[in-house]
Amino acid sequence: MRNYIFFDYLMPLLYTMNVISFVLFAYDKHCALMGKRRIPEFVLWLAGVAMGAFGALCSMVIFNHKTRKKSFAIGVPVLLFLELAVCVVLLLTQPEYDII
């Protein structure tokens, strides 16, 4: 039994968005250290909301970036919890099909 919608569509989206989110947060930290123009917080939030919260949280912890901002320190873990809940609901409610 395989859940095609979850594994064929949602998982690649999750992988891609988490990598993009991780790279955006890492690049923003790099720009902050080098005194370059930064990525707007709206873009960072958008990457997190678009199923990239795990990548954002990993980047926040690894690079110690945006950890003092309460909105990110509380909001990103909440987003991750919501994304996990959506994934569990989609995984459990989608019909399974036999592979022939």
Protein backbone atom coordinates (compact mmCIF):
# COMPACT_ATOMS: atom_id res chain seq x y z
CA MET A 1 0.00 0.00 0.00
CA ARG A 2 1.34 3.37 -0.98
CA ASN A 3 0.00 6.85 -0.49
CA TYR A 4 0.79 8.45 -3.86
CA ILE A 5 -0.30 12.00 -3.06
CA PHE A 6 1.83 12.19 0.07
CA PHE A 7 4.99 10.55 -1.25
CA ASP A 8 4.89 11.77 -4.85
CA TYR A 9 3.80 15.37 -4.32
CA LEU A 10 4.07 16.51 -0.71
CA MET A 11 7.46 15.01 0.18
CA PRO A 12 9.36 16.59 -2.76
CA LEU A 13 7.71 19.92 -1.91
CA LEU A 14 8.82 19.58 1.71
CA TYR A 15 12.39 18.70 0.76
CA THR A 16 12.67 21.57 -1.70
CA MET A 17 11.12 24.23 0.51
CA ASN A 18 13.19 23.22 3.53
CA VAL A 19 16.42 23.43 1.56
CA ILE A 20 15.41 26.83 0.17
CA SER A 21 14.44 28.07 3.62
CA PHE A 22 17.69 26.82 5.14
CA VAL A 23 19.75 28.54 2.44
CA LEU A 24 17.81 31.81 2.77
CA PHE A 25 18.35 31.97 6.54
CA ALA A 26 22.03 31.03 6.14
CA TYR A 27 22.56 33.65 3.45
CA ASP A 28 20.81 36.29 5.56
CA LYS A 29 23.17 35.49 8.43
CA HIS A 30 26.13 35.78 6.05
CA CYS A 31 24.86 39.16 4.86
CA ALA A 32 24.41 40.30 8.45
CA LEU A 33 28.00 39.41 9.29
CA MET A 34 29.41 41.02 6.14
CA GLY A 35 27.32 44.19 6.40
CA LYS A 36 25.60 43.53 3.08
CA ARG A 37 22.00 44.09 2.13
CA ARG A 38 19.78 41.65 4.04
CA ILE A 39 16.88 39.45 2.98
CA PRO A 40 13.59 41.02 4.14
CA GLU A 41 11.94 39.27 7.08
CA PHE A 42 8.80 38.90 4.99
CA VAL A 43 10.70 36.63 2.58
CA LEU A 44 12.08 34.56 5.46
CA TRP A 45 8.58 34.17 6.89
CA LEU A 46 7.19 33.31 3.48
CA ALA A 47 9.76 30.53 3.08
CA GLY A 48 8.84 29.16 6.50
CA VAL A 49 5.11 29.31 5.88
CA ALA A 50 5.51 27.63 2.48
CA MET A 51 6.34 24.31 4.18
CA GLY A 52 9.94 25.27 5.01
CA ALA A 53 9.76 25.62 8.79
CA PHE A 54 12.10 22.70 9.52
CA GLY A 55 14.83 24.18 7.32
CA ALA A 56 14.30 27.58 8.91
CA LEU A 57 14.53 26.14 12.42
CA CYS A 58 17.67 24.15 11.59
CA SER A 59 19.31 27.23 10.11
CA MET A 60 18.29 29.32 13.11
CA VAL A 61 19.91 26.84 15.49
CA ILE A 62 23.04 26.09 13.44
CA PHE A 63 23.85 29.72 12.59
CA ASN A 64 22.31 31.28 15.73
CA HIS A 65 20.30 33.58 13.50
CA LYS A 66 17.02 35.32 14.39
CA THR A 67 17.00 33.48 17.73
CA ARG A 68 16.66 36.70 19.77
CA LYS A 69 13.63 37.86 17.81
CA LYS A 70 10.59 36.59 19.67
CA SER A 71 8.51 36.38 16.51
CA PHE A 72 10.97 33.92 14.95
CA ALA A 73 11.91 32.09 18.16
CA ILE A 74 8.26 31.29 18.86
CA GLY A 75 6.72 31.46 15.40
CA VAL A 76 9.00 29.05 13.53
CA PRO A 77 8.55 26.14 16.00
CA VAL A 78 4.78 26.75 15.91
CA LEU A 79 4.90 26.66 12.10
CA LEU A 80 6.85 23.41 12.26
CA PHE A 81 4.25 21.87 14.56
CA LEU A 82 1.45 22.95 12.21
CA GLU A 83 3.28 21.58 9.17
CA LEU A 84 3.82 18.25 10.93
CA ALA A 85 0.14 18.14 11.84
CA VAL A 86 -0.85 18.79 8.21
CA CYS A 87 1.50 16.05 7.01
CA VAL A 88 0.13 13.54 9.50
CA VAL A 89 -3.46 14.37 8.58
CA LEU A 90 -2.70 14.08 4.85
CA LEU A 91 -0.82 10.85 5.34
CA LEU A 92 -3.60 9.26 7.36
CA THR A 93 -6.60 10.50 5.39
CA GLN A 94 -5.50 9.88 1.81
CA PRO A 95 -6.62 6.61 0.25
CA GLU A 96 -3.94 4.02 -0.31
CA TYR A 97 -3.52 2.15 -3.55
CA ASP A 98 -1.96 -1.21 -4.26
CA ILE A 99 1.09 -1.22 -6.47
CA ILE A 100 0.67 -3.81 -9.17
